[in-house]
């Protein structure tokens, strides 16, 4: 009788894995330190003011801290891009080097935007549509290496999808790349040694919740939501933070968009 070899499927046994695994030798001497001995570059501690009421939401100090990642989510049409461009423009007017990476809108749409909101005209902008012949990964890495104080990306999902398509990666790998790029520039690893902060617009699901992995959630220091109330509650639009390592949560700022102006209300506590 012929012997038939049975091949077991699934993960190899731990015994087999352990037989081939060689642990790394790690030197902890320079990595484990007393908190009192931390040496932080003073540039990393600066706060970028916008002069808008939004400063009170961004941090306790009032403004956007350096080396910080802020994710903003909300339903389509609620004004995410408009409000964050307003913050970016105001920050640049106070002497900070800013960049808008537009993954969704082209030059025509932004030209119309600038006619409505002239303050956006001073913003240095990169249109991803101008670089379709290049790898999205290379475009983002090289433009960020120029060194900026604050970068607005609209949207994170568009950049992730572009990197996936151009490199044949899965979503997990593309999201990990985005996390690594942000952290690298948070640390000032660019030509200007600027400790870059990021404003990241992210899409939501049909249910209105964050569309992304836990890794993206853990990347950000603050998670903001821009929502529209029901008509029964007034139909107003507002911003509030549900997570913020640098400032307050569960406070909201109402805003109103018209043809040429953005009007902000005062800071209000979220009603339970």
Protein backbone atom coordinates (compact mmCIF):
# COMPACT_ATOMS: atom_id res chain seq x y z
CA UNK A 1 0.00 0.00 0.00
CA UNK A 2 1.33 3.46 -0.91
CA UNK A 3 1.95 5.77 2.03
CA UNK A 4 0.17 9.07 1.71
CA UNK A 5 1.75 12.05 3.43
CA UNK A 6 -0.79 14.23 5.15
CA UNK A 7 0.08 17.92 5.06
CA UNK A 8 -1.46 19.88 7.89
CA UNK A 9 -2.81 23.28 7.02
CA UNK A 10 -2.85 26.41 9.12
CA UNK A 11 -0.22 28.11 11.27
CA UNK A 12 2.98 26.26 12.12
CA UNK A 13 3.23 25.07 15.70
CA UNK A 14 4.85 27.31 18.29
CA UNK A 15 7.51 24.66 18.69
CA UNK A 16 8.49 25.04 15.02
CA UNK A 17 8.35 28.83 15.20
CA UNK A 18 10.50 29.01 18.32
CA UNK A 19 13.09 26.72 16.76
CA UNK A 20 13.82 29.26 14.02
CA UNK A 21 13.28 32.51 15.93
CA UNK A 22 16.34 34.43 17.14
CA UNK A 23 15.48 37.32 19.48
CA UNK A 24 17.04 40.73 18.92
CA UNK A 25 19.58 42.04 21.41
CA UNK A 26 18.26 45.42 22.52
CA UNK A 27 20.28 48.17 24.18
CA UNK A 28 17.97 50.13 26.49
CA UNK A 29 20.66 52.42 27.97
CA UNK A 30 19.82 55.51 25.89
CA UNK A 31 16.10 54.81 25.52
CA UNK A 32 14.89 54.30 29.09
CA UNK A 33 15.30 57.56 30.98
CA UNK A 34 13.92 59.58 33.85
CA UNK A 35 11.24 62.04 32.79
CA UNK A 36 13.22 64.82 34.49
CA UNK A 37 16.08 64.14 32.06
CA UNK A 38 14.05 64.56 28.88
CA UNK A 39 15.70 66.96 26.45
CA UNK A 40 13.18 68.50 24.06
CA UNK A 41 14.02 71.03 21.37
CA UNK A 42 12.28 74.33 22.30
CA UNK A 43 10.93 74.56 18.71
CA UNK A 44 8.90 71.43 19.40
CA UNK A 45 7.12 73.24 22.24
CA UNK A 46 5.84 76.18 20.19
CA UNK A 47 2.13 76.76 19.60
CA UNK A 48 0.85 78.14 16.31
CA UNK A 49 -1.94 80.67 16.76
CA UNK A 50 -4.75 81.19 14.29
CA UNK A 51 -6.40 84.08 16.11
CA UNK A 52 -9.73 82.27 15.71
CA UNK A 53 -11.92 80.86 18.45
CA UNK A 54 -10.76 77.46 17.20
CA UNK A 55 -7.51 78.04 19.12
CA UNK A 56 -9.43 77.27 22.30
CA UNK A 57 -10.35 73.86 20.91
CA UNK A 58 -6.90 72.94 19.63
CA UNK A 59 -5.01 73.24 22.93
CA UNK A 60 -4.99 74.58 26.47
CA UNK A 61 -2.34 77.09 25.36
CA UNK A 62 -4.57 78.32 22.55
CA UNK A 63 -3.45 77.25 19.09
CA UNK A 64 -2.03 74.25 17.25
CA UNK A 65 0.96 72.70 19.04
CA UNK A 66 4.03 71.79 16.99
CA UNK A 67 4.61 68.10 16.20
CA UNK A 68 0.90 67.35 16.56
CA UNK A 69 -1.50 65.34 14.41
CA UNK A 70 -5.17 66.35 14.31
CA UNK A 71 -7.80 64.29 12.48
CA UNK A 72 -11.06 65.95 11.46
CA UNK A 73 -14.05 63.91 10.35
CA UNK A 74 -17.57 64.81 9.30
CA UNK A 75 -20.27 64.25 6.74
CA UNK A 76 -19.84 65.55 3.16
CA UNK A 77 -20.79 69.21 2.76
CA UNK A 78 -20.41 70.14 6.42
CA UNK A 79 -17.49 72.50 5.65
CA UNK A 80 -14.42 70.53 6.75
CA UNK A 81 -12.14 71.81 3.99
CA UNK A 82 -13.37 75.40 4.25
CA UNK A 83 -12.94 75.72 8.01
CA UNK A 84 -9.53 74.03 8.08
CA UNK A 85 -8.30 76.14 5.15
CA UNK A 86 -9.38 79.17 7.18
CA UNK A 87 -7.28 77.93 10.11
CA UNK A 88 -4.33 77.18 7.81
CA UNK A 89 -4.48 80.62 6.19
CA UNK A 90 -4.70 82.36 9.55
CA UNK A 91 -1.73 80.35 10.84
CA UNK A 92 0.35 81.25 7.81
CA UNK A 93 -0.49 84.94 8.24
CA UNK A 94 1.24 84.75 11.61
CA UNK A 95 4.54 83.72 10.07
CA UNK A 96 4.29 79.94 9.93
CA UNK A 97 5.22 77.93 6.84
CA UNK A 98 2.08 76.07 5.72
CA UNK A 99 1.08 73.69 2.94
CA UNK A 100 -2.25 72.43 1.63
CA UNK A 101 -2.15 69.03 -0.11
CA UNK A 102 -5.30 68.70 -2.18
CA UNK A 103 -6.03 65.11 -3.06
CA UNK A 104 -9.64 65.75 -4.08
CA UNK A 105 -10.09 69.23 -5.55
CA UNK A 106 -8.33 70.50 -8.63
CA UNK A 107 -7.23 74.00 -9.63
CA UNK A 108 -10.60 75.09 -10.98
CA UNK A 109 -12.45 74.22 -7.77
CA UNK A 110 -9.79 75.91 -5.64
CA UNK A 111 -9.85 79.00 -7.86
CA UNK A 112 -13.59 79.30 -7.21
CA UNK A 113 -12.92 78.76 -3.50
CA UNK A 114 -10.40 81.59 -3.49
CA UNK A 115 -12.88 83.92 -5.17
CA UNK A 116 -15.33 83.22 -2.34
CA UNK A 117 -12.70 83.32 0.41
CA UNK A 118 -9.82 85.59 -0.67
CA UNK A 119 -7.83 84.74 2.47
CA UNK A 120 -7.14 81.31 0.98
CA UNK A 121 -5.11 82.90 -1.81
CA UNK A 122 -1.94 83.02 0.29
CA UNK A 123 -1.82 79.27 0.90
CA UNK A 124 0.94 77.26 -0.77
CA UNK A 125 -0.92 74.36 -2.43
CA UNK A 126 0.05 71.05 -3.99
CA UNK A 127 -2.54 69.55 -6.34
CA UNK A 128 -2.14 65.77 -6.55
CA UNK A 129 -3.80 65.90 -9.99
CA UNK A 130 -0.64 67.60 -11.28
CA UNK A 131 1.48 64.57 -10.36
CA UNK A 132 -0.49 61.64 -11.75
CA UNK A 133 2.57 60.37 -13.64
CA UNK A 134 4.51 60.03 -10.37
CA UNK A 135 4.23 57.61 -7.47
CA UNK A 136 2.02 59.20 -4.79
CA UNK A 137 4.43 57.97 -2.12
CA UNK A 138 7.35 59.85 -3.71
CA UNK A 139 5.33 63.04 -4.19
CA UNK A 140 4.22 63.22 -0.54
CA UNK A 141 7.59 62.26 0.94
CA UNK A 142 9.54 64.73 -1.19
CA UNK A 143 7.24 67.72 -0.74
CA UNK A 144 7.14 67.20 3.04
CA UNK A 145 10.95 67.00 3.10
CA UNK A 146 10.98 70.70 2.21
CA UNK A 147 9.94 71.27 5.84
CA UNK A 148 6.65 72.88 6.94
CA UNK A 149 5.21 74.02 10.24
CA UNK A 150 1.65 72.99 9.43
CA UNK A 151 0.24 70.77 6.64
CA UNK A 152 -3.41 70.23 5.76
CA UNK A 153 -4.17 67.00 3.85
CA UNK A 154 -7.54 66.63 2.13
CA UNK A 155 -8.11 63.81 2.40
CA UNK A 156 -6.10 61.10 4.14
CA UNK A 157 -8.23 58.47 2.39
CA UNK A 158 -7.34 59.83 -1.07
CA UNK A 159 -3.61 59.77 -0.30
CA UNK A 160 -3.83 56.26 1.15
CA UNK A 161 -5.72 55.01 -1.92
CA UNK A 162 -3.17 56.61 -4.24
CA UNK A 163 -0.27 54.96 -2.42
CA UNK A 164 -2.08 51.61 -2.48
CA UNK A 165 -2.69 51.78 -6.23
CA UNK A 166 0.80 53.02 -7.13
CA UNK A 167 2.65 50.43 -5.03
CA UNK A 168 0.24 47.48 -5.10
CA UNK A 169 -0.04 47.63 -1.30
CA UNK A 170 -2.95 46.64 0.89
CA UNK A 171 -4.72 49.24 3.03
CA UNK A 172 -2.89 48.26 6.20
CA UNK A 173 0.51 48.82 4.59
CA UNK A 174 -0.55 52.17 3.08
CA UNK A 175 -1.94 53.40 6.39
CA UNK A 176 1.28 52.36 8.14
CA UNK A 177 3.25 54.36 5.58
CA UNK A 178 1.14 57.48 6.26
CA UNK A 179 1.66 57.07 10.01
CA UNK A 180 5.42 56.75 9.50
CA UNK A 181 5.57 59.84 7.25
CA UNK A 182 3.69 61.98 9.79
CA UNK A 183 5.79 60.76 12.73
CA UNK A 184 9.03 61.36 10.80
CA UNK A 185 8.08 64.98 10.14
CA UNK A 186 6.70 65.41 13.69
CA UNK A 187 10.27 64.67 14.79
CA UNK A 188 11.70 67.35 12.52
CA UNK A 189 13.30 64.87 10.12
CA UNK A 190 13.13 67.13 7.07
CA UNK A 191 15.47 69.58 5.37
CA UNK A 192 14.26 72.54 7.44
CA UNK A 193 14.21 70.59 10.74
CA UNK A 194 10.64 71.81 11.29
CA UNK A 195 8.52 69.84 13.75
CA UNK A 196 5.57 69.55 11.41
CA UNK A 197 1.96 69.38 12.58
CA UNK A 198 -0.73 67.82 10.42
CA UNK A 199 -4.42 68.53 9.94
CA UNK A 200 -5.86 65.39 8.35
CA UNK A 201 -9.34 65.35 6.85
CA UNK A 202 -10.78 61.85 6.88
CA UNK A 203 -13.93 60.41 5.41
CA UNK A 204 -16.71 58.78 7.39
CA UNK A 205 -18.89 55.76 6.72
CA UNK A 206 -22.56 56.01 5.76
CA UNK A 207 -23.29 55.73 9.47
CA UNK A 208 -21.18 58.84 10.06
CA UNK A 209 -18.33 57.15 11.95
CA UNK A 210 -14.58 57.28 11.37
CA UNK A 211 -13.45 55.32 8.29
CA UNK A 212 -10.02 53.98 9.10
CA UNK A 213 -7.99 51.61 11.21
CA UNK A 214 -7.11 51.82 14.89
CA UNK A 215 -3.54 52.59 13.83
CA UNK A 216 -4.72 55.83 12.24
CA UNK A 217 -6.71 56.65 15.37
CA UNK A 218 -3.65 56.10 17.57
CA UNK A 219 -1.54 58.31 15.31
CA UNK A 220 -3.52 61.42 16.08
CA UNK A 221 -3.25 63.55 19.19
CA UNK A 222 -6.73 64.94 18.64
CA UNK A 223 -9.87 63.72 16.90
CA UNK A 224 -12.36 66.38 15.91
CA UNK A 225 -15.84 66.05 14.50
CA UNK A 226 -17.73 68.54 12.37
CA UNK A 227 -21.45 67.88 12.52
CA UNK A 228 -24.77 69.31 11.44
CA UNK A 229 -27.59 69.25 13.97
CA UNK A 230 -31.06 68.07 13.05
CA UNK A 231 -33.60 70.69 12.10
CA UNK A 232 -35.39 69.96 15.37
CA UNK A 233 -32.24 71.04 17.23
CA UNK A 234 -31.69 74.15 15.13
CA UNK A 235 -29.83 72.75 12.12
CA UNK A 236 -26.57 74.44 13.08
CA UNK A 237 -23.06 73.22 12.26
CA UNK A 238 -20.40 72.82 14.93
CA UNK A 239 -16.95 71.44 15.76
CA UNK A 240 -16.05 69.50 18.86
CA UNK A 241 -13.19 67.23 19.90
CA UNK A 242 -13.85 63.75 21.23
CA UNK A 243 -10.14 63.13 21.87
CA UNK A 244 -7.49 65.73 22.59
CA UNK A 245 -4.19 65.12 24.36
CA UNK A 246 -3.39 68.82 24.29
CA UNK A 247 -6.73 70.43 25.12
CA UNK A 248 -10.35 70.12 26.06
CA UNK A 249 -12.97 67.68 24.85
CA UNK A 250 -16.77 67.83 24.80
CA UNK A 251 -16.86 71.54 24.04
CA UNK A 252 -18.20 72.86 20.77
CA UNK A 253 -17.86 75.89 18.53
CA UNK A 254 -20.69 76.67 16.13
CA UNK A 255 -19.84 78.06 12.71
CA UNK A 256 -21.76 79.35 9.73
CA UNK A 257 -20.63 79.47 6.11
CA UNK A 258 -22.04 81.92 3.59
CA UNK A 259 -20.88 83.11 0.20
CA UNK A 260 -17.76 84.90 1.40
CA UNK A 261 -17.47 84.67 5.18
CA UNK A 262 -17.10 82.16 7.96
CA UNK A 263 -18.73 83.17 11.22
CA UNK A 264 -17.73 81.44 14.44
CA UNK A 265 -19.62 81.39 17.69
CA UNK A 266 -18.12 81.17 21.16
CA UNK A 267 -16.92 78.06 22.97
CA UNK A 268 -19.80 76.13 24.51
CA UNK A 269 -19.93 72.95 26.63
CA UNK A 270 -21.60 69.97 25.01
CA UNK A 271 -24.96 69.34 26.66
CA UNK A 272 -25.30 65.87 28.17
